[in-house]
Structures are given as C-alpha cells and as structure tokens.
Amino acid sequence: DQFRLMADLARKYVRDTVRTTVEQNVVYRWVSEADIPELYQALEAAGLGAPGASSIVDVTACPGTDTCKLGIASSRGLAAELRTQLAEKSASLD
C-alpha cells in the first residue's frame, strides 16, 4: 500500500521522478514549493513522514533472521529500538 501511494504521489507531484539513496531513503525531486505541505501530509498519513533523514536517527538495517538464512539476530527489531533511543536522546539535545 505504501509503495502504491508513493508511486501515486510521484505521478502527482514530480512527474514520476523518484530516486533512492544509499541510505535506503526515497527522494522526490523538484517538488513545487506550494505542493510541499500537501505532499508531506500525504506521506505522514501513510506513516512515511518521520523527520530525521540523513541524521543520527536514520537507522538502516538488513532483515536479519526475519527473512535471511545468514542472519544471526533480529536486525529490524534492534534497529527500531536504536531509532527510538536515538530519537529520544536527540530530542533532549535540541
């Protein structure tokens, strides 16, 4: 559902132009300044509007034991906890 929404938003706001980053983020380039609030609201409503890209709270993890035969830990669970802890610490520094 989130992927379909992202594609719909790309069609609506950036003429189908979406890029991915090495940090596993998605970039919508050339969004009109007037469209930014509406685009952000749509992403946030889908659970995709969390701030912190390219910051300490932007934790990337492999699937680990959830789907990988070579995994030795539940990397996604650890990443989620790291994200939570780092976000709390980061907020207290602001």
N, C-alpha and C. Protein backbone atom coordinates (compact mmCIF):
# COMPACT_ATOMS: atom_id res chain seq x y z
N ASP A 1 0.82 -1.19 0.00
CA ASP A 1 0.00 0.00 0.00
C ASP A 1 0.86 1.26 0.00
N GLN A 2 1.93 1.26 0.81
CA GLN A 2 2.79 2.44 0.87
C GLN A 2 3.51 2.67 -0.46
N PHE A 3 3.94 1.59 -1.11
CA PHE A 3 4.62 1.73 -2.39
C PHE A 3 3.68 2.32 -3.44
N ARG A 4 2.45 1.83 -3.46
CA ARG A 4 1.47 2.36 -4.41
C ARG A 4 1.21 3.84 -4.15
N LEU A 5 1.09 4.20 -2.89
CA LEU A 5 0.88 5.60 -2.54
C LEU A 5 2.08 6.43 -3.00
N MET A 6 3.29 5.94 -2.76
CA MET A 6 4.48 6.68 -3.17
C MET A 6 4.49 6.88 -4.69
N ALA A 7 4.08 5.87 -5.44
CA ALA A 7 4.01 5.99 -6.90
C ALA A 7 2.94 7.01 -7.30
N ASP A 8 1.79 6.97 -6.65
CA ASP A 8 0.73 7.94 -6.93
C ASP A 8 1.19 9.36 -6.65
N LEU A 9 1.88 9.54 -5.53
CA LEU A 9 2.39 10.86 -5.18
C LEU A 9 3.45 11.33 -6.17
N ALA A 10 4.28 10.42 -6.64
CA ALA A 10 5.29 10.77 -7.63
C ALA A 10 4.62 11.24 -8.92
N ARG A 11 3.57 10.54 -9.33
CA ARG A 11 2.84 10.96 -10.53
C ARG A 11 2.24 12.36 -10.35
N LYS A 12 1.70 12.60 -9.17
CA LYS A 12 1.01 13.86 -8.92
C LYS A 12 1.95 15.05 -8.75
N TYR A 13 3.07 14.85 -8.06
CA TYR A 13 3.91 15.99 -7.68
C TYR A 13 5.23 16.12 -8.43
N VAL A 14 5.79 15.04 -8.95
CA VAL A 14 7.13 15.14 -9.55
C VAL A 14 7.25 14.43 -10.89
N ARG A 15 6.16 14.28 -11.58
CA ARG A 15 6.16 13.67 -12.91
C ARG A 15 6.90 12.34 -12.94
N ASP A 16 6.58 11.46 -12.01
CA ASP A 16 7.12 10.10 -11.95
C ASP A 16 8.61 10.01 -11.63
N THR A 17 9.22 11.08 -11.15
CA THR A 17 10.65 11.07 -10.88
C THR A 17 10.91 10.80 -9.40
N VAL A 18 11.38 9.59 -9.11
CA VAL A 18 11.70 9.21 -7.74
C VAL A 18 13.11 8.63 -7.74
N ARG A 19 13.87 8.97 -6.73
CA ARG A 19 15.22 8.41 -6.60
C ARG A 19 15.36 7.75 -5.24
N THR A 20 16.23 6.78 -5.18
CA THR A 20 16.55 6.16 -3.90
C THR A 20 17.98 6.54 -3.54
N THR A 21 18.25 6.51 -2.25
CA THR A 21 19.59 6.86 -1.77
C THR A 21 20.28 5.62 -1.23
N VAL A 22 21.57 5.72 -1.00
CA VAL A 22 22.31 4.59 -0.44
C VAL A 22 21.87 4.29 0.99
N GLU A 23 21.21 5.26 1.63
CA GLU A 23 20.69 5.05 2.99
C GLU A 23 19.30 4.43 2.97
N GLN A 24 18.84 4.01 1.80
CA GLN A 24 17.53 3.39 1.61
C GLN A 24 16.38 4.37 1.85
N ASN A 25 16.61 5.63 1.54
CA ASN A 25 15.56 6.64 1.59
C ASN A 25 15.05 6.88 0.17
N VAL A 26 13.91 7.53 0.07
CA VAL A 26 13.33 7.89 -1.22
C VAL A 26 13.35 9.41 -1.33
N VAL A 27 13.72 9.90 -2.51
CA VAL A 27 13.79 11.34 -2.73
C VAL A 27 12.84 11.72 -3.86
N TYR A 28 11.96 12.67 -3.56
CA TYR A 28 11.11 13.29 -4.58
C TYR A 28 11.78 14.60 -4.95
N ARG A 29 12.27 14.68 -6.18
CA ARG A 29 12.98 15.89 -6.61
C ARG A 29 12.05 16.83 -7.35
N TRP A 30 12.34 18.10 -7.24
CA TRP A 30 11.64 19.15 -7.98
C TRP A 30 10.18 19.29 -7.57
N VAL A 31 9.87 19.12 -6.30
CA VAL A 31 8.52 19.35 -5.80
C VAL A 31 8.30 20.86 -5.73
N SER A 32 7.18 21.31 -6.26
CA SER A 32 6.85 22.73 -6.18
C SER A 32 6.73 23.15 -4.72
N GLU A 33 7.24 24.32 -4.39
CA GLU A 33 7.19 24.79 -3.01
C GLU A 33 5.76 24.83 -2.48
N ALA A 34 4.82 25.16 -3.34
CA ALA A 34 3.41 25.23 -2.93
C ALA A 34 2.85 23.85 -2.61
N ASP A 35 3.43 22.79 -3.20
CA ASP A 35 2.93 21.43 -3.01
C ASP A 35 3.55 20.71 -1.82
N ILE A 36 4.61 21.25 -1.25
CA ILE A 36 5.32 20.56 -0.17
C ILE A 36 4.42 20.23 1.02
N PRO A 37 3.62 21.16 1.54
CA PRO A 37 2.78 20.81 2.69
C PRO A 37 1.80 19.66 2.40
N GLU A 38 1.17 19.70 1.23
CA GLU A 38 0.21 18.65 0.87
C GLU A 38 0.91 17.30 0.69
N LEU A 39 2.06 17.30 0.04
CA LEU A 39 2.83 16.06 -0.14
C LEU A 39 3.26 15.51 1.21
N TYR A 40 3.76 16.37 2.08
CA TYR A 40 4.19 15.92 3.40
C TYR A 40 3.03 15.33 4.19
N GLN A 41 1.87 15.98 4.14
CA GLN A 41 0.70 15.46 4.86
C GLN A 41 0.31 14.08 4.36
N ALA A 42 0.37 13.87 3.04
CA ALA A 42 0.04 12.56 2.47
C ALA A 42 1.04 11.50 2.93
N LEU A 43 2.32 11.85 2.92
CA LEU A 43 3.35 10.90 3.38
C LEU A 43 3.21 10.61 4.87
N GLU A 44 2.96 11.64 5.65
CA GLU A 44 2.82 11.46 7.10
C GLU A 44 1.60 10.59 7.43
N ALA A 45 0.51 10.77 6.71
CA ALA A 45 -0.70 9.97 6.94
C ALA A 45 -0.45 8.49 6.66
N ALA A 46 0.50 8.20 5.77
CA ALA A 46 0.84 6.81 5.43
C ALA A 46 1.96 6.27 6.31
N GLY A 47 2.40 7.04 7.29
CA GLY A 47 3.49 6.59 8.16
C GLY A 47 4.86 6.79 7.55
N LEU A 48 4.96 7.66 6.55
CA LEU A 48 6.22 7.87 5.84
C LEU A 48 6.78 9.28 6.02
N GLY A 49 6.28 10.01 6.99
CA GLY A 49 6.70 11.39 7.15
C GLY A 49 7.59 11.65 8.34
N ALA A 50 8.23 10.63 8.85
CA ALA A 50 9.08 10.82 10.03
C ALA A 50 10.29 11.68 9.68
N PRO A 51 10.59 12.68 10.50
CA PRO A 51 11.76 13.51 10.25
C PRO A 51 13.05 12.76 10.59
N GLY A 52 14.18 13.29 10.15
CA GLY A 52 15.45 12.72 10.57
C GLY A 52 16.27 12.07 9.48
N ALA A 53 15.84 12.17 8.21
CA ALA A 53 16.64 11.58 7.13
C ALA A 53 18.05 12.15 7.16
N SER A 54 19.01 11.30 6.96
CA SER A 54 20.43 11.68 6.95
C SER A 54 20.91 12.24 8.29
N SER A 55 20.26 11.83 9.36
CA SER A 55 20.71 12.23 10.70
C SER A 55 20.96 10.97 11.52
N ILE A 56 21.30 11.15 12.77
CA ILE A 56 21.64 10.00 13.63
C ILE A 56 20.45 9.05 13.82
N VAL A 57 19.22 9.55 13.70
CA VAL A 57 18.06 8.69 13.91
C VAL A 57 17.67 7.92 12.65
N ASP A 58 18.37 8.13 11.54
CA ASP A 58 18.08 7.45 10.28
C ASP A 58 18.84 6.12 10.24
N VAL A 59 18.32 5.14 10.96
CA VAL A 59 18.98 3.84 11.12
C VAL A 59 18.56 2.90 9.99
N THR A 60 19.53 2.28 9.33
CA THR A 60 19.27 1.32 8.26
C THR A 60 19.68 -0.06 8.75
N ALA A 61 18.84 -1.06 8.49
CA ALA A 61 19.16 -2.42 8.94
C ALA A 61 18.80 -3.44 7.87
N CYS A 62 19.57 -4.51 7.81
CA CYS A 62 19.22 -5.63 6.95
C CYS A 62 18.09 -6.41 7.63
N PRO A 63 17.43 -7.31 6.92
CA PRO A 63 16.32 -8.06 7.53
C PRO A 63 16.74 -8.97 8.67
N GLY A 64 17.98 -9.40 8.68
CA GLY A 64 18.41 -10.31 9.75
C GLY A 64 17.64 -11.62 9.72
N THR A 65 17.40 -12.19 10.88
CA THR A 65 16.77 -13.50 10.96
C THR A 65 15.31 -13.50 10.52
N ASP A 66 14.73 -12.31 10.33
CA ASP A 66 13.33 -12.25 9.89
C ASP A 66 13.14 -12.95 8.55
N THR A 67 14.09 -12.75 7.61
CA THR A 67 13.95 -13.36 6.29
C THR A 67 15.25 -13.89 5.69
N CYS A 68 16.38 -13.68 6.36
CA CYS A 68 17.67 -14.06 5.79
C CYS A 68 18.22 -15.31 6.47
N LYS A 69 18.61 -16.28 5.67
CA LYS A 69 19.18 -17.52 6.22
C LYS A 69 20.54 -17.28 6.87
N LEU A 70 21.21 -16.21 6.49
CA LEU A 70 22.52 -15.90 7.06
C LEU A 70 22.42 -15.01 8.30
N GLY A 71 21.23 -14.53 8.60
CA GLY A 71 21.05 -13.63 9.73
C GLY A 71 21.29 -14.33 11.06
N ILE A 72 21.86 -13.60 12.01
CA ILE A 72 22.10 -14.17 13.34
C ILE A 72 21.34 -13.40 14.43
N ALA A 73 20.65 -12.34 14.03
CA ALA A 73 19.89 -11.54 15.00
C ALA A 73 18.69 -10.91 14.30
N SER A 74 17.74 -10.46 15.07
CA SER A 74 16.59 -9.75 14.53
C SER A 74 16.99 -8.29 14.33
N SER A 75 17.62 -8.02 13.23
CA SER A 75 18.18 -6.69 12.97
C SER A 75 17.11 -5.60 12.96
N ARG A 76 15.95 -5.90 12.42
CA ARG A 76 14.90 -4.88 12.35
C ARG A 76 14.42 -4.48 13.74
N GLY A 77 14.30 -5.44 14.63
CA GLY A 77 13.90 -5.12 16.00
C GLY A 77 14.94 -4.26 16.69
N LEU A 78 16.20 -4.61 16.51
CA LEU A 78 17.29 -3.83 17.09
C LEU A 78 17.32 -2.43 16.49
N ALA A 79 17.14 -2.33 15.18
CA ALA A 79 17.14 -1.02 14.52
C ALA A 79 16.00 -0.15 15.04
N ALA A 80 14.83 -0.73 15.23
CA ALA A 80 13.69 0.03 15.75
C ALA A 80 13.99 0.57 17.15
N GLU A 81 14.58 -0.25 17.98
CA GLU A 81 14.93 0.19 19.34
C GLU A 81 16.01 1.27 19.30
N LEU A 82 17.01 1.09 18.45
CA LEU A 82 18.05 2.11 18.30
C LEU A 82 17.45 3.44 17.85
N ARG A 83 16.56 3.36 16.86
CA ARG A 83 15.89 4.56 16.36
C ARG A 83 15.15 5.29 17.48
N THR A 84 14.41 4.53 18.30
CA THR A 84 13.66 5.11 19.42
C THR A 84 14.60 5.77 20.42
N GLN A 85 15.63 5.04 20.82
CA GLN A 85 16.57 5.58 21.81
C GLN A 85 17.30 6.82 21.29
N LEU A 86 17.75 6.76 20.04
CA LEU A 86 18.48 7.89 19.46
C LEU A 86 17.56 9.10 19.28
N ALA A 87 16.31 8.87 18.92
CA ALA A 87 15.37 9.98 18.76
C ALA A 87 15.13 10.67 20.10
N GLU A 88 14.99 9.88 21.16
CA GLU A 88 14.81 10.46 22.49
C GLU A 88 16.03 11.28 22.91
N LYS A 89 17.20 10.72 22.69
CA LYS A 89 18.43 11.43 23.06
C LYS A 89 18.61 12.69 22.20
N SER A 90 18.32 12.57 20.92
CA SER A 90 18.45 13.69 20.01
C SER A 90 17.49 14.81 20.38
N ALA A 91 16.27 14.47 20.75
CA ALA A 91 15.27 15.48 21.13
C ALA A 91 15.70 16.24 22.38
N SER A 92 16.35 15.55 23.30
CA SER A 92 16.78 16.21 24.53
C SER A 92 17.96 17.15 24.29
N LEU A 93 18.66 16.98 23.17
CA LEU A 93 19.79 17.85 22.85
C LEU A 93 19.35 19.13 22.15
N ASP A 94 18.16 19.11 21.57
CA ASP A 94 17.66 20.29 20.82
C ASP A 94 17.31 21.44 21.71
